[in-house]
C-alpha cells in the first residue's frame, strides 16, 4: 500500500510537497518521503491508506501534455485507487492517519542522531560566486537510512513534519515533483 511497483530507486529522484487541507504547506528533501514512512512503520504507524486524488481545477478534465508526460496526475477511476502514499498524485491522507504518522515519528525522534551522520558532497561544477556552504548536497542512494538522512540539521525537518502532522486539521495531500 505504501508505493507503486518494487523499484525503490524512484524515490531518490522525487521530493514530496504536502499541502494542508486548510492551506498550510510543507516540503520534504529528495529521497525523504519513503524513508519517513518506513521509519514511522518501524515505530508503530499502521498506514490506513490514502484517498483517491481529485483534480477539480482541471478544466473539463484536460491535462496539459507536459504534466501528462511527467506522470503528475493519476488517471484511473476513484474505485481503482489502492491507497498508495507514493508516488504523490495529489492523494489525501486523512487527519487521523496524519496524526498517527506524526505520533510514530515523534517516537522515532530520539533515535535520530543530533550530529550529522550523512556525508555531504560538493557539486562537480562550481559556478562563479557560489560558496561551498550553499552547494553541499546530500547524496541520497538506496542504502541511505532515514536516521542518516534526517540527522544533524535535517532533524529539524523531521520535527517540522511531526508538528505539521499534529497541527494540520483535516489531513494533507501528497504531491510529487521532480527534484532539480
N, C-alpha and C. Protein backbone atom coordinates (compact mmCIF):
# COMPACT_ATOMS: atom_id res chain seq x y z
N UNK A 1 0.82 -1.19 0.00
CA UNK A 1 0.00 0.00 0.00
C UNK A 1 0.87 1.26 0.00
N UNK A 2 2.10 1.19 0.45
CA UNK A 2 2.92 2.40 0.55
C UNK A 2 3.29 2.94 -0.82
N UNK A 3 3.77 2.09 -1.73
CA UNK A 3 4.21 2.60 -3.01
C UNK A 3 3.83 1.68 -4.15
N UNK A 4 3.87 2.26 -5.35
CA UNK A 4 3.58 1.54 -6.57
C UNK A 4 4.87 0.89 -7.06
N UNK A 5 4.82 -0.35 -7.47
CA UNK A 5 5.99 -1.01 -8.02
C UNK A 5 6.96 -1.46 -6.95
N UNK A 6 8.07 -2.08 -7.39
CA UNK A 6 9.03 -2.60 -6.43
C UNK A 6 10.39 -1.94 -6.55
N UNK A 7 10.56 -0.99 -7.48
CA UNK A 7 11.85 -0.33 -7.64
C UNK A 7 11.95 0.85 -6.69
N UNK A 8 12.68 0.69 -5.61
CA UNK A 8 12.80 1.74 -4.61
C UNK A 8 13.73 2.87 -5.03
N UNK A 9 14.39 2.78 -6.19
CA UNK A 9 15.27 3.85 -6.65
C UNK A 9 14.52 5.10 -7.04
N UNK A 10 13.24 4.98 -7.34
CA UNK A 10 12.46 6.11 -7.82
C UNK A 10 12.37 7.23 -6.81
N UNK A 11 12.32 6.92 -5.53
CA UNK A 11 12.12 7.96 -4.54
C UNK A 11 13.29 8.92 -4.46
N UNK A 12 14.47 8.52 -4.90
CA UNK A 12 15.63 9.39 -4.83
C UNK A 12 15.59 10.50 -5.88
N UNK A 13 14.67 10.42 -6.82
CA UNK A 13 14.54 11.43 -7.87
C UNK A 13 13.32 12.31 -7.66
N UNK A 14 12.64 12.14 -6.56
CA UNK A 14 11.39 12.85 -6.32
C UNK A 14 11.38 13.43 -4.91
N UNK A 15 10.84 14.62 -4.79
CA UNK A 15 10.55 15.22 -3.48
C UNK A 15 9.04 15.32 -3.37
N UNK A 16 8.56 15.37 -2.18
CA UNK A 16 7.12 15.47 -1.98
C UNK A 16 6.74 16.81 -1.41
N UNK A 17 5.61 17.27 -1.85
CA UNK A 17 5.05 18.54 -1.41
C UNK A 17 3.74 18.20 -0.71
N UNK A 18 3.67 18.51 0.55
CA UNK A 18 2.45 18.24 1.32
C UNK A 18 1.74 19.55 1.55
N UNK A 19 0.46 19.55 1.30
CA UNK A 19 -0.33 20.76 1.47
C UNK A 19 -1.47 20.47 2.42
N UNK A 20 -1.52 21.22 3.50
CA UNK A 20 -2.61 21.06 4.47
C UNK A 20 -3.95 21.34 3.82
N UNK A 21 -4.95 20.67 4.32
CA UNK A 21 -6.30 20.91 3.81
C UNK A 21 -6.75 22.33 4.10
N UNK A 22 -6.12 23.00 5.08
CA UNK A 22 -6.51 24.37 5.39
C UNK A 22 -5.55 25.40 4.80
N UNK A 23 -4.68 24.99 3.91
CA UNK A 23 -3.83 25.93 3.20
C UNK A 23 -2.38 25.98 3.62
N UNK A 24 -1.94 25.28 4.68
CA UNK A 24 -0.53 25.26 5.06
C UNK A 24 0.30 24.45 4.07
N UNK A 25 1.62 24.66 4.09
CA UNK A 25 2.48 23.96 3.15
C UNK A 25 3.68 23.34 3.87
N UNK A 26 4.23 22.27 3.26
CA UNK A 26 5.40 21.61 3.82
C UNK A 26 6.09 20.85 2.70
N UNK A 27 7.39 20.95 2.58
CA UNK A 27 8.14 20.24 1.54
C UNK A 27 9.21 19.36 2.20
N UNK A 28 9.44 18.19 1.63
CA UNK A 28 10.45 17.26 2.12
C UNK A 28 11.65 17.24 1.18
N UNK A 29 12.84 16.88 1.68
CA UNK A 29 14.01 16.79 0.80
C UNK A 29 13.89 15.58 -0.11
N UNK A 30 14.60 15.61 -1.26
CA UNK A 30 14.59 14.46 -2.16
C UNK A 30 14.98 13.18 -1.42
N UNK A 31 14.24 12.12 -1.68
CA UNK A 31 14.53 10.83 -1.07
C UNK A 31 14.00 10.67 0.34
N UNK A 32 13.31 11.67 0.87
CA UNK A 32 12.92 11.64 2.26
C UNK A 32 11.58 11.00 2.58
N UNK A 33 10.64 10.99 1.67
CA UNK A 33 9.28 10.55 1.98
C UNK A 33 9.20 9.06 2.31
N UNK A 34 9.67 8.19 1.43
CA UNK A 34 9.57 6.76 1.70
C UNK A 34 10.38 6.36 2.93
N UNK A 35 11.49 7.03 3.14
CA UNK A 35 12.28 6.74 4.33
C UNK A 35 11.52 7.11 5.60
N UNK A 36 10.79 8.22 5.55
CA UNK A 36 9.99 8.60 6.71
C UNK A 36 8.84 7.64 6.94
N UNK A 37 8.21 7.19 5.87
CA UNK A 37 7.12 6.23 6.01
C UNK A 37 7.64 4.93 6.65
N UNK A 38 8.82 4.50 6.21
CA UNK A 38 9.44 3.30 6.77
C UNK A 38 9.76 3.51 8.25
N UNK A 39 10.35 4.64 8.57
CA UNK A 39 10.69 4.95 9.96
C UNK A 39 9.43 4.97 10.83
N UNK A 40 8.37 5.57 10.32
CA UNK A 40 7.11 5.62 11.08
C UNK A 40 6.55 4.22 11.30
N UNK A 41 6.61 3.37 10.29
CA UNK A 41 6.12 1.99 10.45
C UNK A 41 6.95 1.25 11.48
N UNK A 42 8.25 1.48 11.50
CA UNK A 42 9.12 0.84 12.48
C UNK A 42 8.80 1.28 13.90
N UNK A 43 8.10 2.42 14.02
CA UNK A 43 7.75 2.96 15.35
C UNK A 43 6.24 2.94 15.58
N UNK A 44 5.58 1.98 14.93
CA UNK A 44 4.19 1.70 15.27
C UNK A 44 3.10 2.28 14.39
N UNK A 45 3.45 3.03 13.34
CA UNK A 45 2.41 3.58 12.47
C UNK A 45 1.86 2.48 11.57
N UNK A 46 0.58 2.35 11.51
CA UNK A 46 -0.11 1.41 10.62
C UNK A 46 -0.87 2.23 9.59
N UNK A 47 -0.33 2.34 8.37
CA UNK A 47 -0.98 3.17 7.36
C UNK A 47 -2.39 2.69 7.06
N UNK A 48 -3.32 3.63 6.98
CA UNK A 48 -4.71 3.28 6.68
C UNK A 48 -5.03 3.42 5.21
N UNK A 49 -4.08 3.97 4.44
CA UNK A 49 -4.29 4.18 3.02
C UNK A 49 -4.76 5.60 2.76
N UNK A 50 -4.49 6.06 1.56
CA UNK A 50 -4.86 7.41 1.17
C UNK A 50 -6.16 7.39 0.37
N UNK A 51 -6.77 8.56 0.27
CA UNK A 51 -7.98 8.71 -0.54
C UNK A 51 -7.57 9.07 -1.96
N UNK A 52 -8.33 8.63 -2.92
CA UNK A 52 -8.02 8.88 -4.34
C UNK A 52 -7.90 10.37 -4.61
N UNK A 53 -6.96 10.74 -5.48
CA UNK A 53 -6.81 12.15 -5.83
C UNK A 53 -7.99 12.66 -6.65
N UNK A 54 -8.27 13.94 -6.46
CA UNK A 54 -9.29 14.62 -7.26
C UNK A 54 -8.66 15.89 -7.80
N UNK A 55 -9.06 16.28 -9.01
CA UNK A 55 -8.48 17.46 -9.64
C UNK A 55 -9.57 18.41 -10.13
N UNK A 56 -10.25 19.08 -9.20
CA UNK A 56 -11.36 19.94 -9.60
C UNK A 56 -10.93 21.16 -10.42
N UNK A 57 -9.66 21.54 -10.38
CA UNK A 57 -9.18 22.71 -11.10
C UNK A 57 -8.94 22.43 -12.58
N UNK A 58 -8.91 21.17 -12.98
CA UNK A 58 -8.68 20.84 -14.39
C UNK A 58 -9.95 21.14 -15.19
N UNK A 59 -9.82 22.02 -16.14
CA UNK A 59 -10.97 22.38 -16.97
C UNK A 59 -11.39 21.19 -17.82
N UNK A 60 -12.59 20.69 -17.56
CA UNK A 60 -13.16 19.54 -18.27
C UNK A 60 -12.21 18.34 -18.27
N UNK A 61 -11.39 18.23 -17.23
CA UNK A 61 -10.50 17.07 -17.10
C UNK A 61 -9.33 17.07 -18.04
N UNK A 62 -9.04 18.20 -18.69
CA UNK A 62 -7.95 18.28 -19.66
C UNK A 62 -6.63 18.50 -18.93
N UNK A 63 -5.66 17.63 -19.18
CA UNK A 63 -4.33 17.71 -18.57
C UNK A 63 -3.35 18.14 -19.65
N UNK A 64 -2.51 19.14 -19.37
CA UNK A 64 -1.57 19.58 -20.41
C UNK A 64 -0.54 18.48 -20.66
N UNK A 65 0.03 18.49 -21.86
CA UNK A 65 0.91 17.42 -22.32
C UNK A 65 2.12 17.22 -21.40
N UNK A 66 2.72 18.31 -20.91
CA UNK A 66 3.89 18.18 -20.04
C UNK A 66 3.56 17.42 -18.76
N UNK A 67 2.43 17.78 -18.12
CA UNK A 67 2.02 17.08 -16.91
C UNK A 67 1.67 15.62 -17.21
N UNK A 68 1.06 15.38 -18.35
CA UNK A 68 0.71 14.02 -18.75
C UNK A 68 1.98 13.19 -18.95
N UNK A 69 2.96 13.77 -19.65
CA UNK A 69 4.24 13.08 -19.90
C UNK A 69 5.02 12.84 -18.62
N UNK A 70 4.93 13.77 -17.66
CA UNK A 70 5.66 13.65 -16.39
C UNK A 70 4.99 12.71 -15.40
N UNK A 71 3.76 12.29 -15.68
CA UNK A 71 3.04 11.42 -14.75
C UNK A 71 2.59 12.16 -13.50
N UNK A 72 2.31 13.46 -13.63
CA UNK A 72 1.90 14.28 -12.49
C UNK A 72 0.56 13.84 -11.93
N UNK A 73 -0.34 13.42 -12.80
CA UNK A 73 -1.70 13.08 -12.39
C UNK A 73 -1.97 11.59 -12.48
N UNK A 74 -2.80 11.11 -11.58
CA UNK A 74 -3.27 9.73 -11.62
C UNK A 74 -4.51 9.72 -12.50
N UNK A 75 -4.55 8.83 -13.46
CA UNK A 75 -5.60 8.87 -14.48
C UNK A 75 -6.68 7.81 -14.31
N UNK A 76 -6.62 7.03 -13.25
CA UNK A 76 -7.61 5.98 -13.04
C UNK A 76 -8.89 6.49 -12.40
N UNK A 77 -9.81 5.58 -12.22
CA UNK A 77 -11.07 5.90 -11.53
C UNK A 77 -10.86 5.79 -10.01
N UNK A 78 -11.65 6.54 -9.27
CA UNK A 78 -11.54 6.52 -7.80
C UNK A 78 -11.73 5.10 -7.27
N UNK A 79 -12.59 4.32 -7.89
CA UNK A 79 -12.84 2.95 -7.43
C UNK A 79 -11.63 2.04 -7.63
N UNK A 80 -10.67 2.46 -8.46
CA UNK A 80 -9.46 1.67 -8.72
C UNK A 80 -8.28 2.08 -7.83
N UNK A 81 -8.46 3.13 -7.04
CA UNK A 81 -7.37 3.64 -6.20
C UNK A 81 -7.02 2.63 -5.12
N UNK A 82 -5.73 2.37 -4.91
CA UNK A 82 -5.29 1.35 -3.96
C UNK A 82 -4.78 1.91 -2.63
N UNK A 83 -4.85 3.22 -2.43
CA UNK A 83 -4.43 3.79 -1.16
C UNK A 83 -2.96 4.11 -1.05
N UNK A 84 -2.25 4.20 -2.16
CA UNK A 84 -0.81 4.45 -2.17
C UNK A 84 -0.43 5.77 -1.53
N UNK A 85 0.76 5.79 -0.93
CA UNK A 85 1.35 7.01 -0.38
C UNK A 85 2.43 7.55 -1.30
N UNK A 86 2.84 6.78 -2.26
CA UNK A 86 3.89 7.16 -3.22
C UNK A 86 3.67 6.41 -4.51
N UNK A 87 3.86 7.07 -5.66
CA UNK A 87 4.20 8.48 -5.83
C UNK A 87 3.04 9.39 -5.46
N UNK A 88 3.35 10.67 -5.30
CA UNK A 88 2.33 11.65 -4.91
C UNK A 88 1.56 12.16 -6.11
N UNK A 89 0.31 11.79 -6.18
CA UNK A 89 -0.56 12.23 -7.27
C UNK A 89 -1.60 13.24 -6.78
N UNK A 90 -1.48 13.72 -5.58
CA UNK A 90 -2.49 14.58 -5.01
C UNK A 90 -3.48 13.80 -4.15
N UNK A 91 -3.09 12.59 -3.75
CA UNK A 91 -3.95 11.80 -2.87
C UNK A 91 -3.99 12.42 -1.47
N UNK A 92 -5.07 12.16 -0.76
CA UNK A 92 -5.28 12.77 0.55
C UNK A 92 -4.99 11.78 1.67
N UNK A 93 -4.25 12.24 2.68
CA UNK A 93 -4.03 11.50 3.92
C UNK A 93 -5.03 12.07 4.93
N UNK A 94 -5.79 11.20 5.54
CA UNK A 94 -6.81 11.65 6.49
C UNK A 94 -6.17 12.28 7.72
N UNK A 95 -6.94 13.06 8.43
CA UNK A 95 -6.48 13.69 9.67
C UNK A 95 -6.01 12.64 10.67
N UNK A 96 -6.78 11.60 10.82
CA UNK A 96 -6.44 10.52 11.77
C UNK A 96 -5.12 9.84 11.40
N UNK A 97 -4.95 9.54 10.11
CA UNK A 97 -3.73 8.90 9.64
C UNK A 97 -2.53 9.85 9.79
N UNK A 98 -2.73 11.13 9.49
CA UNK A 98 -1.65 12.11 9.63
C UNK A 98 -1.21 12.22 11.10
N UNK A 99 -2.16 12.24 12.00
CA UNK A 99 -1.82 12.32 13.43
C UNK A 99 -1.08 11.06 13.89
N UNK A 100 -1.51 9.90 13.40
CA UNK A 100 -0.83 8.65 13.76
C UNK A 100 0.59 8.63 13.19
N UNK A 101 0.76 9.13 11.98
CA UNK A 101 2.08 9.23 11.37
C UNK A 101 2.98 10.14 12.21
N UNK A 102 2.45 11.30 12.60
CA UNK A 102 3.22 12.23 13.43
C UNK A 102 3.59 11.62 14.78
N UNK A 103 2.67 10.88 15.38
CA UNK A 103 2.94 10.25 16.69
C UNK A 103 4.06 9.22 16.56
N UNK A 104 4.05 8.43 15.49
CA UNK A 104 5.10 7.43 15.29
C UNK A 104 6.45 8.11 15.04
N UNK A 105 6.45 9.18 14.26
CA UNK A 105 7.70 9.90 14.02
C UNK A 105 8.20 10.56 15.30
N UNK A 106 7.30 10.99 16.16
CA UNK A 106 7.69 11.55 17.46
C UNK A 106 8.40 10.47 18.30
N UNK A 107 7.89 9.24 18.24
CA UNK A 107 8.53 8.14 18.97
C UNK A 107 9.90 7.82 18.37
N UNK A 108 10.09 8.05 17.08
CA UNK A 108 11.36 7.77 16.41
C UNK A 108 12.40 8.86 16.65
N UNK A 109 11.95 10.04 16.99
CA UNK A 109 12.84 11.21 17.11
C UNK A 109 14.07 10.96 17.98
N UNK A 110 13.97 10.31 19.14
CA UNK A 110 15.17 10.08 19.96
C UNK A 110 16.23 9.20 19.26
N UNK A 111 15.81 8.40 18.28
CA UNK A 111 16.76 7.54 17.56
C UNK A 111 17.55 8.28 16.50
N UNK A 112 17.07 9.45 16.09
CA UNK A 112 17.73 10.22 15.04
C UNK A 112 18.87 11.02 15.65
N UNK A 113 20.09 10.82 15.14
CA UNK A 113 21.26 11.49 15.72
C UNK A 113 21.18 13.01 15.63
N UNK A 114 21.59 13.68 16.71
CA UNK A 114 21.67 15.15 16.70
C UNK A 114 22.84 15.61 15.82
N UNK A 115 23.91 14.82 15.81
CA UNK A 115 25.06 15.17 14.99
C UNK A 115 24.86 14.63 13.57
N UNK A 116 25.53 15.24 12.63
CA UNK A 116 25.44 14.85 11.22
C UNK A 116 25.96 13.43 11.03
N UNK A 117 25.13 12.55 10.48
CA UNK A 117 25.54 11.17 10.21
C UNK A 117 25.53 10.89 8.71
N UNK A 118 25.36 11.94 7.94
CA UNK A 118 25.22 11.81 6.49
C UNK A 118 26.36 12.56 5.82
N UNK A 119 27.01 11.90 4.89
CA UNK A 119 28.12 12.54 4.20
C UNK A 119 27.59 13.41 3.07
N UNK A 120 28.00 14.68 3.09
CA UNK A 120 27.59 15.59 2.03
C UNK A 120 28.69 15.64 0.99
N UNK A 121 28.29 15.98 -0.24
CA UNK A 121 29.28 16.09 -1.30
C UNK A 121 29.13 17.43 -1.99
N UNK A 122 30.23 17.91 -2.51
CA UNK A 122 30.21 19.16 -3.26
C UNK A 122 29.88 18.85 -4.72
N UNK A 123 29.25 19.77 -5.43
CA UNK A 123 28.95 19.53 -6.84
C UNK A 123 30.23 19.48 -7.66
N UNK A 124 30.15 18.83 -8.80
CA UNK A 124 31.33 18.71 -9.66
C UNK A 124 31.59 20.00 -10.44
N UNK A 125 30.59 20.86 -10.61
CA UNK A 125 30.74 22.11 -11.35
C UNK A 125 30.53 23.29 -10.40
N UNK A 126 31.49 24.15 -10.36
CA UNK A 126 31.41 25.33 -9.48
C UNK A 126 31.09 26.55 -10.33
N UNK A 127 30.02 27.23 -10.00
CA UNK A 127 29.68 28.48 -10.68
C UNK A 127 30.34 29.65 -9.99
N UNK A 128 30.45 30.75 -10.69
CA UNK A 128 31.06 31.95 -10.13
C UNK A 128 30.21 32.48 -8.97
N UNK A 129 30.86 32.77 -7.86
CA UNK A 129 30.18 33.37 -6.72
C UNK A 129 29.40 32.38 -5.86
N UNK A 130 29.58 31.09 -6.07
CA UNK A 130 28.86 30.09 -5.29
C UNK A 130 29.76 29.62 -4.15
N UNK A 131 29.26 29.68 -2.94
CA UNK A 131 30.05 29.26 -1.79
C UNK A 131 29.86 27.77 -1.53
N UNK A 132 30.86 27.17 -0.89
CA UNK A 132 30.80 25.75 -0.55
C UNK A 132 29.60 25.45 0.33
N UNK A 133 29.33 26.30 1.31
CA UNK A 133 28.22 26.06 2.23
C UNK A 133 26.88 26.00 1.51
N UNK A 134 26.71 26.79 0.47
CA UNK A 134 25.43 26.83 -0.25
C UNK A 134 25.28 25.68 -1.23
N UNK A 135 26.36 24.98 -1.55
CA UNK A 135 26.28 23.98 -2.61
C UNK A 135 26.44 22.54 -2.14
N UNK A 136 26.79 22.32 -0.88
CA UNK A 136 26.89 20.95 -0.41
C UNK A 136 25.52 20.30 -0.44
N UNK A 137 25.45 19.07 -0.97
CA UNK A 137 24.18 18.36 -1.09
C UNK A 137 24.31 16.97 -0.49
N UNK A 138 23.19 16.45 -0.09
CA UNK A 138 23.15 15.08 0.40
C UNK A 138 23.03 14.15 -0.78
N UNK A 139 23.96 13.22 -0.89
CA UNK A 139 23.96 12.27 -1.99
C UNK A 139 23.16 11.05 -1.55
N UNK A 140 21.85 11.10 -1.78
CA UNK A 140 20.94 10.05 -1.33
C UNK A 140 21.03 8.85 -2.28
N UNK A 141 21.14 7.67 -1.72
CA UNK A 141 21.16 6.43 -2.51
C UNK A 141 20.33 5.39 -1.79
N UNK A 142 20.16 4.25 -2.39
CA UNK A 142 19.27 3.22 -1.84
C UNK A 142 19.62 2.79 -0.42
N UNK A 143 20.89 2.81 -0.06
CA UNK A 143 21.30 2.37 1.28
C UNK A 143 21.16 3.46 2.34
N UNK A 144 20.81 4.67 1.93
CA UNK A 144 20.66 5.76 2.89
C UNK A 144 19.49 5.47 3.81
N UNK A 145 19.75 5.48 5.10
CA UNK A 145 18.69 5.22 6.07
C UNK A 145 17.99 6.53 6.45
N UNK A 146 16.76 6.45 6.95
CA UNK A 146 16.10 7.67 7.40
C UNK A 146 16.85 8.32 8.56
N UNK A 147 17.51 7.52 9.39
CA UNK A 147 18.26 8.08 10.51
C UNK A 147 19.45 8.90 10.01
N UNK A 148 20.08 8.44 8.93
CA UNK A 148 21.18 9.21 8.32
C UNK A 148 20.65 10.48 7.67
N UNK A 149 19.62 10.32 6.85
CA UNK A 149 19.10 11.44 6.06
C UNK A 149 18.61 12.59 6.94
N UNK A 150 17.97 12.26 8.05
CA UNK A 150 17.40 13.28 8.91
C UNK A 150 18.24 13.59 10.15
N UNK A 151 19.51 13.24 10.11
CA UNK A 151 20.41 13.55 11.23
C UNK A 151 20.90 14.99 11.12
N UNK A 152 21.51 15.44 12.21
CA UNK A 152 22.09 16.78 12.21
C UNK A 152 21.06 17.86 11.97
N UNK A 153 21.38 18.81 11.11
CA UNK A 153 20.48 19.93 10.83
C UNK A 153 19.15 19.47 10.23
N UNK A 154 19.15 18.37 9.52
CA UNK A 154 17.93 17.87 8.90
C UNK A 154 16.93 17.32 9.92
N UNK A 155 17.38 17.13 11.15
CA UNK A 155 16.46 16.66 12.19
C UNK A 155 15.35 17.68 12.41
N UNK A 156 15.65 18.94 12.13
CA UNK A 156 14.63 19.99 12.25
C UNK A 156 13.51 19.77 11.23
N UNK A 157 13.83 19.23 10.06
CA UNK A 157 12.80 18.91 9.05
C UNK A 157 11.84 17.87 9.64
N UNK A 158 12.40 16.89 10.30
CA UNK A 158 11.59 15.85 10.93
C UNK A 158 10.70 16.45 12.02
N UNK A 159 11.26 17.32 12.83
CA UNK A 159 10.47 17.98 13.87
C UNK A 159 9.33 18.80 13.25
N UNK A 160 9.63 19.49 12.17
CA UNK A 160 8.60 20.29 11.49
C UNK A 160 7.50 19.41 10.92
N UNK A 161 7.87 18.26 10.37
CA UNK A 161 6.86 17.35 9.82
C UNK A 161 5.97 16.81 10.95
N UNK A 162 6.56 16.48 12.06
CA UNK A 162 5.79 16.00 13.21
C UNK A 162 4.77 17.06 13.63
N UNK A 163 5.21 18.30 13.74
CA UNK A 163 4.30 19.39 14.10
C UNK A 163 3.22 19.55 13.04
N UNK A 164 3.61 19.43 11.78
CA UNK A 164 2.67 19.54 10.67
C UNK A 164 1.58 18.47 10.78
N UNK A 165 1.99 17.26 11.06
CA UNK A 165 1.03 16.15 11.18
C UNK A 165 0.06 16.35 12.34
N UNK A 166 0.54 16.93 13.43
CA UNK A 166 -0.31 17.16 14.59
C UNK A 166 -1.20 18.39 14.45
N UNK A 167 -0.71 19.41 13.76
CA UNK A 167 -1.42 20.69 13.68
C UNK A 167 -2.29 20.85 12.46
N UNK A 168 -2.14 20.00 11.48
CA UNK A 168 -2.83 20.16 10.21
C UNK A 168 -4.20 19.50 10.27
N UNK A 169 -5.17 20.23 10.76
CA UNK A 169 -6.53 19.68 10.86
C UNK A 169 -7.05 19.36 9.46
N UNK A 170 -7.61 18.20 9.32
CA UNK A 170 -8.16 17.80 8.03
C UNK A 170 -7.21 16.95 7.20
N UNK A 171 -6.04 16.63 7.71
CA UNK A 171 -5.09 15.80 6.97
C UNK A 171 -4.28 16.62 5.99
N UNK A 172 -3.74 15.97 4.94
CA UNK A 172 -2.96 16.68 3.93
C UNK A 172 -2.98 15.90 2.62
N UNK A 173 -2.55 16.60 1.56
CA UNK A 173 -2.41 15.98 0.25
C UNK A 173 -0.94 15.75 -0.04
N UNK A 174 -0.65 14.72 -0.82
CA UNK A 174 0.73 14.39 -1.19
C UNK A 174 0.92 14.70 -2.67
N UNK A 175 1.94 15.47 -2.98
CA UNK A 175 2.29 15.77 -4.37
C UNK A 175 3.76 15.46 -4.60
N UNK A 176 4.07 14.85 -5.69
CA UNK A 176 5.47 14.62 -6.09
C UNK A 176 5.84 15.63 -7.16
N UNK A 177 7.11 15.96 -7.19
CA UNK A 177 7.64 16.75 -8.29
C UNK A 177 9.09 16.35 -8.46
N UNK A 178 9.59 16.46 -9.68
CA UNK A 178 10.97 16.08 -9.93
C UNK A 178 11.89 17.07 -9.28
N UNK A 179 12.92 16.56 -8.59
CA UNK A 179 13.91 17.45 -7.98
C UNK A 179 14.88 17.92 -9.06
N UNK A 180 15.34 19.11 -8.92
CA UNK A 180 16.23 19.69 -9.92
C UNK A 180 17.65 19.71 -9.38
